[in-house]
N, C-alpha and C. Protein backbone atom coordinates (compact mmCIF):
# COMPACT_ATOMS: atom_id res chain seq x y z
N MET A 1 8.18 13.37 15.74
CA MET A 1 6.97 13.10 16.21
C MET A 1 7.09 12.54 17.83
N GLY A 2 6.19 13.21 18.61
CA GLY A 2 5.99 13.03 19.81
C GLY A 2 5.46 11.63 20.58
N ILE A 3 5.54 11.72 21.80
CA ILE A 3 4.98 10.34 22.58
C ILE A 3 3.84 10.52 22.13
N GLN A 4 2.55 11.46 22.27
CA GLN A 4 1.48 11.63 22.03
C GLN A 4 1.00 10.98 20.46
N ASP A 5 1.64 11.63 19.66
CA ASP A 5 1.62 11.11 18.30
C ASP A 5 1.66 9.66 18.03
N ILE A 6 2.72 8.94 18.80
CA ILE A 6 3.01 7.31 18.97
C ILE A 6 1.98 6.76 19.56
N ILE A 7 1.58 7.26 20.50
CA ILE A 7 0.09 6.55 21.32
C ILE A 7 -1.02 6.83 20.53
N GLU A 8 -1.27 7.69 19.79
CA GLU A 8 -2.37 7.95 19.06
C GLU A 8 -2.25 6.81 17.55
N GLY A 9 -1.19 6.92 17.19
CA GLY A 9 -0.97 5.75 16.21
C GLY A 9 -1.19 4.51 16.61
N LYS A 10 -0.89 4.23 17.61
CA LYS A 10 -0.96 2.50 18.08
C LYS A 10 -2.45 2.50 18.39
N LYS A 11 -3.14 3.60 18.83
CA LYS A 11 -4.80 3.43 18.96
C LYS A 11 -5.43 3.32 17.88
N GLU A 12 -4.80 4.31 17.02
CA GLU A 12 -5.43 3.92 15.38
C GLU A 12 -5.39 2.67 14.98
N TRP A 13 -4.20 1.89 14.91
CA TRP A 13 -3.52 0.67 14.41
C TRP A 13 -4.47 -0.30 15.11
N ARG A 14 -4.51 -0.30 16.63
CA ARG A 14 -5.42 -1.12 17.06
C ARG A 14 -6.71 -1.41 16.70
N ALA A 15 -7.35 -0.23 16.47
CA ALA A 15 -8.83 -0.33 15.92
C ALA A 15 -9.10 -0.65 14.72
N HIS A 16 -7.90 -0.50 13.76
CA HIS A 16 -8.05 -0.73 12.53
C HIS A 16 -7.97 -2.58 12.34
N VAL A 17 -6.87 -3.07 13.29
CA VAL A 17 -6.76 -4.36 13.42
C VAL A 17 -8.03 -5.00 13.79
N ALA A 18 -8.59 -4.52 14.57
CA ALA A 18 -10.08 -5.05 15.41
C ALA A 18 -11.10 -4.83 14.11
N ARG A 19 -11.12 -4.14 13.16
CA ARG A 19 -11.99 -4.11 12.42
C ARG A 19 -11.60 -5.11 11.07
N VAL A 20 -10.68 -5.41 10.74
CA VAL A 20 -9.98 -6.59 10.09
C VAL A 20 -10.48 -7.79 10.64
N LYS A 21 -10.36 -8.14 12.16
CA LYS A 21 -11.02 -9.35 12.73
C LYS A 21 -12.40 -9.38 12.67
N ALA A 22 -13.15 -8.41 12.70
CA ALA A 22 -14.50 -8.46 12.68
C ALA A 22 -14.88 -8.83 11.21
N LEU A 23 -14.18 -8.72 10.32
CA LEU A 23 -14.47 -9.12 8.97
C LEU A 23 -14.71 -10.71 9.00
N PRO A 24 -15.36 -11.02 7.98
CA PRO A 24 -15.63 -12.55 7.71
C PRO A 24 -14.13 -13.09 7.47
N LYS A 25 -14.15 -14.74 7.65
CA LYS A 25 -12.77 -15.08 7.48
C LYS A 25 -12.18 -14.90 5.89
N ASP A 26 -12.93 -15.25 5.22
CA ASP A 26 -12.48 -15.09 3.68
C ASP A 26 -11.92 -13.51 3.55
N TYR A 27 -12.40 -12.84 3.85
CA TYR A 27 -12.09 -11.40 3.64
C TYR A 27 -10.85 -10.98 4.40
N GLN A 28 -10.81 -11.53 5.91
CA GLN A 28 -9.65 -11.53 6.30
C GLN A 28 -8.37 -11.91 5.74
N ILE A 29 -8.60 -12.87 4.86
CA ILE A 29 -7.58 -13.63 4.22
C ILE A 29 -7.09 -13.13 3.24
N VAL A 30 -7.77 -12.40 2.64
CA VAL A 30 -7.62 -11.93 1.30
C VAL A 30 -7.14 -10.07 1.79
N TYR A 31 -7.56 -9.81 2.77
CA TYR A 31 -7.12 -8.61 3.30
C TYR A 31 -5.26 -8.49 3.88
N LYS A 32 -5.30 -9.85 4.20
CA LYS A 32 -3.92 -9.63 4.87
C LYS A 32 -3.16 -9.78 3.63
N GLU A 33 -3.43 -10.59 2.70
CA GLU A 33 -2.40 -10.76 1.27
C GLU A 33 -2.38 -9.42 0.46
N ILE A 34 -3.49 -8.72 0.51
CA ILE A 34 -3.33 -7.25 0.16
C ILE A 34 -2.50 -6.36 1.01
N GLN A 35 -2.41 -6.49 2.02
CA GLN A 35 -1.78 -5.49 3.19
C GLN A 35 -0.30 -6.00 2.98
N LYS A 36 0.22 -7.64 2.86
CA LYS A 36 1.62 -7.90 2.42
C LYS A 36 1.88 -7.35 0.74
N TYR A 37 1.12 -7.53 0.10
CA TYR A 37 1.47 -6.98 -1.21
C TYR A 37 1.74 -5.61 -1.36
N LEU A 38 0.95 -4.83 -0.74
CA LEU A 38 1.16 -3.12 -0.77
C LEU A 38 2.42 -2.92 0.16
N PHE A 39 2.74 -3.72 1.30
CA PHE A 39 3.88 -3.35 1.98
C PHE A 39 4.92 -3.73 1.16
N LYS A 40 5.17 -4.79 0.08
CA LYS A 40 6.19 -5.02 -0.70
C LYS A 40 6.32 -4.15 -1.84
N VAL A 41 5.02 -3.52 -2.40
CA VAL A 41 5.30 -3.03 -3.52
C VAL A 41 5.54 -1.38 -3.48
N GLY A 42 5.02 -1.21 -1.99
CA GLY A 42 5.68 0.07 -1.40
C GLY A 42 5.08 1.34 -1.65
N PRO A 43 3.64 1.50 -1.87
CA PRO A 43 3.38 2.92 -2.20
C PRO A 43 3.89 3.67 -0.93
N VAL A 44 4.23 5.15 -1.28
CA VAL A 44 4.83 5.90 -0.09
C VAL A 44 3.94 6.48 0.82
N GLU A 45 2.43 6.47 0.12
CA GLU A 45 1.71 6.98 1.03
C GLU A 45 1.48 6.26 2.39
N LEU A 46 1.57 4.82 2.20
CA LEU A 46 1.29 4.08 3.27
C LEU A 46 1.77 4.33 4.74
N THR A 47 2.95 5.29 4.52
CA THR A 47 3.70 5.43 5.57
C THR A 47 3.16 6.78 6.20
N ASP A 48 2.47 7.25 5.80
CA ASP A 48 1.73 8.53 6.06
C ASP A 48 0.21 8.19 7.08
N GLY A 49 0.00 7.04 7.30
CA GLY A 49 -1.15 6.57 8.01
C GLY A 49 -1.51 5.24 7.49
N ILE A 50 -2.70 5.06 7.75
CA ILE A 50 -3.39 3.78 7.31
C ILE A 50 -4.87 4.03 6.22
N GLY A 51 -4.63 5.01 5.63
CA GLY A 51 -5.84 5.38 4.81
C GLY A 51 -6.22 4.76 3.67
N LEU A 52 -5.23 4.26 2.92
CA LEU A 52 -5.49 3.08 1.76
C LEU A 52 -6.08 1.86 2.34
N LEU A 53 -5.42 1.57 3.58
CA LEU A 53 -6.10 0.36 4.39
C LEU A 53 -7.27 0.29 4.95
N SER A 54 -7.74 1.67 5.07
CA SER A 54 -8.89 1.64 5.85
C SER A 54 -9.88 1.51 4.79
N GLY A 55 -9.52 2.33 3.79
CA GLY A 55 -10.39 2.24 2.76
C GLY A 55 -10.67 0.95 1.84
N ILE A 56 -9.82 -0.05 2.09
CA ILE A 56 -10.03 -1.42 1.80
C ILE A 56 -10.96 -2.02 2.80
N ILE A 57 -11.02 -1.71 4.03
CA ILE A 57 -11.78 -2.44 5.31
C ILE A 57 -12.93 -1.69 4.91
N ASP A 58 -13.41 -0.49 4.29
CA ASP A 58 -14.43 0.21 4.07
C ASP A 58 -15.04 -0.75 2.97
N LEU A 59 -14.70 -1.05 1.85
CA LEU A 59 -15.20 -1.50 0.89
C LEU A 59 -15.43 -3.28 1.14
N PHE A 60 -14.46 -3.64 1.85
CA PHE A 60 -14.52 -5.10 2.39
C PHE A 60 -16.16 -5.12 3.40
N GLU A 61 -16.25 -4.26 4.27
CA GLU A 61 -17.34 -4.23 5.41
C GLU A 61 -18.56 -4.16 4.37
N GLU A 62 -18.51 -3.20 3.44
CA GLU A 62 -19.69 -3.02 2.60
C GLU A 62 -20.10 -4.07 2.07
N GLY A 63 -18.98 -4.94 1.32
CA GLY A 63 -19.12 -6.13 0.64
C GLY A 63 -19.87 -7.23 1.25
N ALA A 64 -19.06 -7.54 2.79
CA ALA A 64 -19.77 -8.50 3.52
C ALA A 64 -21.06 -8.19 3.92
N SER A 65 -21.35 -6.99 4.11
CA SER A 65 -22.79 -6.54 4.59
C SER A 65 -24.02 -6.78 3.34
N PHE A 66 -23.37 -7.09 2.24
CA PHE A 66 -24.48 -7.34 1.16
C PHE A 66 -24.29 -8.77 0.75
N GLY A 67 -23.56 -9.46 1.70
CA GLY A 67 -23.63 -11.01 1.48
C GLY A 67 -22.53 -11.49 0.19
N LYS A 68 -21.76 -10.38 -0.29
CA LYS A 68 -20.76 -10.80 -1.43
C LYS A 68 -19.74 -11.77 -1.15
N ASP A 69 -19.31 -12.59 -1.80
CA ASP A 69 -18.02 -13.09 -1.89
C ASP A 69 -16.98 -11.92 -2.03
N VAL A 70 -15.64 -12.46 -1.24
CA VAL A 70 -14.81 -11.43 -1.17
C VAL A 70 -13.91 -11.30 -2.70
N LEU A 71 -13.92 -12.28 -3.38
CA LEU A 71 -13.57 -12.23 -4.79
C LEU A 71 -14.37 -11.61 -5.69
N GLU A 72 -15.70 -11.59 -5.10
CA GLU A 72 -16.73 -10.30 -5.99
C GLU A 72 -16.51 -9.17 -5.99
N VAL A 73 -15.83 -8.62 -4.71
CA VAL A 73 -15.36 -7.27 -4.44
C VAL A 73 -14.06 -6.93 -5.10
N THR A 74 -12.92 -7.97 -5.16
CA THR A 74 -11.60 -7.48 -5.55
C THR A 74 -11.82 -8.08 -6.96
N GLY A 75 -12.59 -8.83 -7.44
CA GLY A 75 -12.08 -9.71 -8.80
C GLY A 75 -11.12 -11.01 -8.21
N SER A 76 -10.81 -11.80 -9.53
CA SER A 76 -10.35 -12.83 -9.17
C SER A 76 -8.78 -12.94 -8.82
N ASP A 77 -8.15 -11.66 -9.62
CA ASP A 77 -6.84 -11.17 -9.60
C ASP A 77 -6.65 -10.01 -8.56
N VAL A 78 -6.24 -10.73 -7.45
CA VAL A 78 -6.15 -9.89 -6.17
C VAL A 78 -4.88 -8.73 -6.68
N ALA A 79 -3.77 -9.18 -7.13
CA ALA A 79 -2.81 -8.37 -7.25
C ALA A 79 -2.99 -7.28 -8.30
N ALA A 80 -3.92 -7.34 -9.35
CA ALA A 80 -4.38 -6.40 -10.22
C ALA A 80 -5.24 -5.38 -9.50
N PHE A 81 -6.12 -5.97 -8.74
CA PHE A 81 -6.82 -5.23 -7.98
C PHE A 81 -5.91 -3.97 -7.03
N CYS A 82 -4.91 -4.60 -6.12
CA CYS A 82 -4.12 -3.82 -5.83
C CYS A 82 -3.35 -2.45 -6.54
N ASP A 83 -2.76 -3.22 -7.81
CA ASP A 83 -2.57 -2.30 -8.56
C ASP A 83 -3.31 -1.19 -9.11
N GLU A 84 -4.37 -1.49 -9.33
CA GLU A 84 -5.22 -0.42 -9.63
C GLU A 84 -5.45 0.86 -8.62
N LEU A 85 -5.49 0.15 -7.39
CA LEU A 85 -5.54 0.95 -6.02
C LEU A 85 -4.60 1.83 -6.26
N ILE A 86 -3.23 1.31 -6.38
CA ILE A 86 -2.15 2.29 -6.41
C ILE A 86 -1.67 2.86 -7.77
N LYS A 87 -2.46 3.19 -8.64
CA LYS A 87 -1.81 3.13 -10.38
C LYS A 87 -1.29 4.53 -10.20
N ASP A 88 -1.97 5.50 -9.44
CA ASP A 88 -1.43 6.79 -9.45
C ASP A 88 -0.68 7.29 -8.02
N SER A 89 -0.17 6.46 -7.36
CA SER A 89 0.62 6.59 -6.45
C SER A 89 1.93 6.29 -6.86
N LYS A 90 2.80 7.11 -5.78
CA LYS A 90 4.30 6.92 -5.78
C LYS A 90 4.78 5.88 -5.20
N THR A 91 5.32 5.13 -5.73
CA THR A 91 6.06 3.57 -5.06
C THR A 91 7.33 4.04 -4.53
N TYR A 92 8.02 3.02 -3.61
CA TYR A 92 9.15 3.27 -3.35
C TYR A 92 10.05 2.48 -4.44
N ALA A 93 9.60 1.79 -5.34
CA ALA A 93 10.46 1.48 -6.63
C ALA A 93 10.24 2.46 -7.67
N ASP A 94 9.47 3.47 -7.91
CA ASP A 94 9.75 4.73 -8.42
C ASP A 94 10.52 5.64 -7.91
N ILE A 95 11.04 5.76 -6.51
CA ILE A 95 11.70 6.80 -5.94
C ILE A 95 13.29 5.94 -6.39
N TYR A 96 13.07 4.45 -6.41
CA TYR A 96 14.67 3.83 -6.68
C TYR A 96 14.91 4.14 -8.05
N GLN A 97 13.86 3.85 -8.66
CA GLN A 97 14.32 4.18 -10.36
C GLN A 97 14.42 5.15 -10.90
N GLU A 98 14.16 6.39 -10.07
CA GLU A 98 14.65 7.97 -10.33
C GLU A 98 15.91 7.91 -9.64
N SER A 99 16.35 7.39 -8.80
CA SER A 99 17.29 7.33 -8.08
C SER A 99 19.00 6.88 -9.20
N VAL A 100 18.32 5.73 -9.59
CA VAL A 100 19.38 4.94 -10.75
C VAL A 100 19.27 5.81 -11.98
N ASP A 101 18.17 6.43 -12.30
CA ASP A 101 18.41 7.09 -13.47
C ASP A 101 19.48 8.46 -13.39
N GLN A 102 19.23 9.25 -12.18
CA GLN A 102 19.61 10.12 -11.86
C GLN A 102 21.53 9.61 -11.63
N LYS A 103 21.80 8.56 -11.11
CA LYS A 103 23.25 8.18 -10.83
C LYS A 103 23.79 7.95 -12.32
N VAL A 104 23.01 7.40 -13.19
CA VAL A 104 23.70 6.95 -14.45
C VAL A 104 23.81 8.33 -15.15
N SER A 105 22.74 9.08 -15.16
CA SER A 105 22.93 10.43 -15.92
C SER A 105 24.23 11.34 -15.31
N LYS A 106 24.36 11.21 -14.19
CA LYS A 106 25.88 11.98 -13.42
C LYS A 106 27.03 11.32 -14.13
N ALA A 107 26.90 9.81 -13.73
CA ALA A 107 27.92 9.21 -14.19
C ALA A 107 28.42 9.38 -15.98
N MET A 108 27.62 9.47 -16.85
CA MET A 108 27.37 9.67 -18.18
C MET A 108 27.99 11.18 -18.66
N LYS A 109 27.43 11.85 -17.65
CA LYS A 109 27.98 13.42 -17.70
C LYS A 109 29.63 13.83 -17.54
N LYS A 110 29.80 13.03 -16.07
CA LYS A 110 31.31 12.85 -15.72
C LYS A 110 32.17 12.18 -16.92
N ALA A 111 31.62 11.19 -17.51
CA ALA A 111 32.19 10.37 -18.32
C ALA A 111 32.77 11.12 -19.78
N THR A 112 31.43 11.92 -20.26
CA THR A 112 31.28 12.87 -21.07
C THR A 112 32.34 13.93 -21.02
N ASP A 113 32.38 14.86 -19.92
CA ASP A 113 33.02 15.66 -19.54
C ASP A 113 34.91 15.22 -19.57
N LYS A 114 34.97 14.25 -19.28
CA LYS A 114 36.36 13.88 -19.16
C LYS A 114 36.94 13.57 -20.30
N THR A 115 36.05 13.44 -21.67
CA THR A 115 36.53 12.92 -22.79
C THR A 115 36.56 14.55 -23.72
N LYS A 116 36.46 15.40 -23.03
CA LYS A 116 36.51 16.67 -23.68
C LYS A 116 37.87 17.50 -23.58
């Protein structure tokens, strides 16, 4: 990643943050909680840019323009809303689980080979 990529990434992120700040206050609060949730759950694709987060802002901007309450857009269970957004995405938890499974399989194979 070159310096130009870093500069472009920062510009993109600043524009993203400006869009969040332009949302009504209730939308900002829910957006920030969604962002925290997604960063903790860790869909791998979040590291490839801000596509998913920008999509959420698009949805929120549309909801706000129609005068909808933010929970009319997400539903009352915001975590379930997030889970639905990333249901087909690979998460860091998935990668870790695969790693653990591989280590257990390897250890079991070694143990089995030793008993032969």
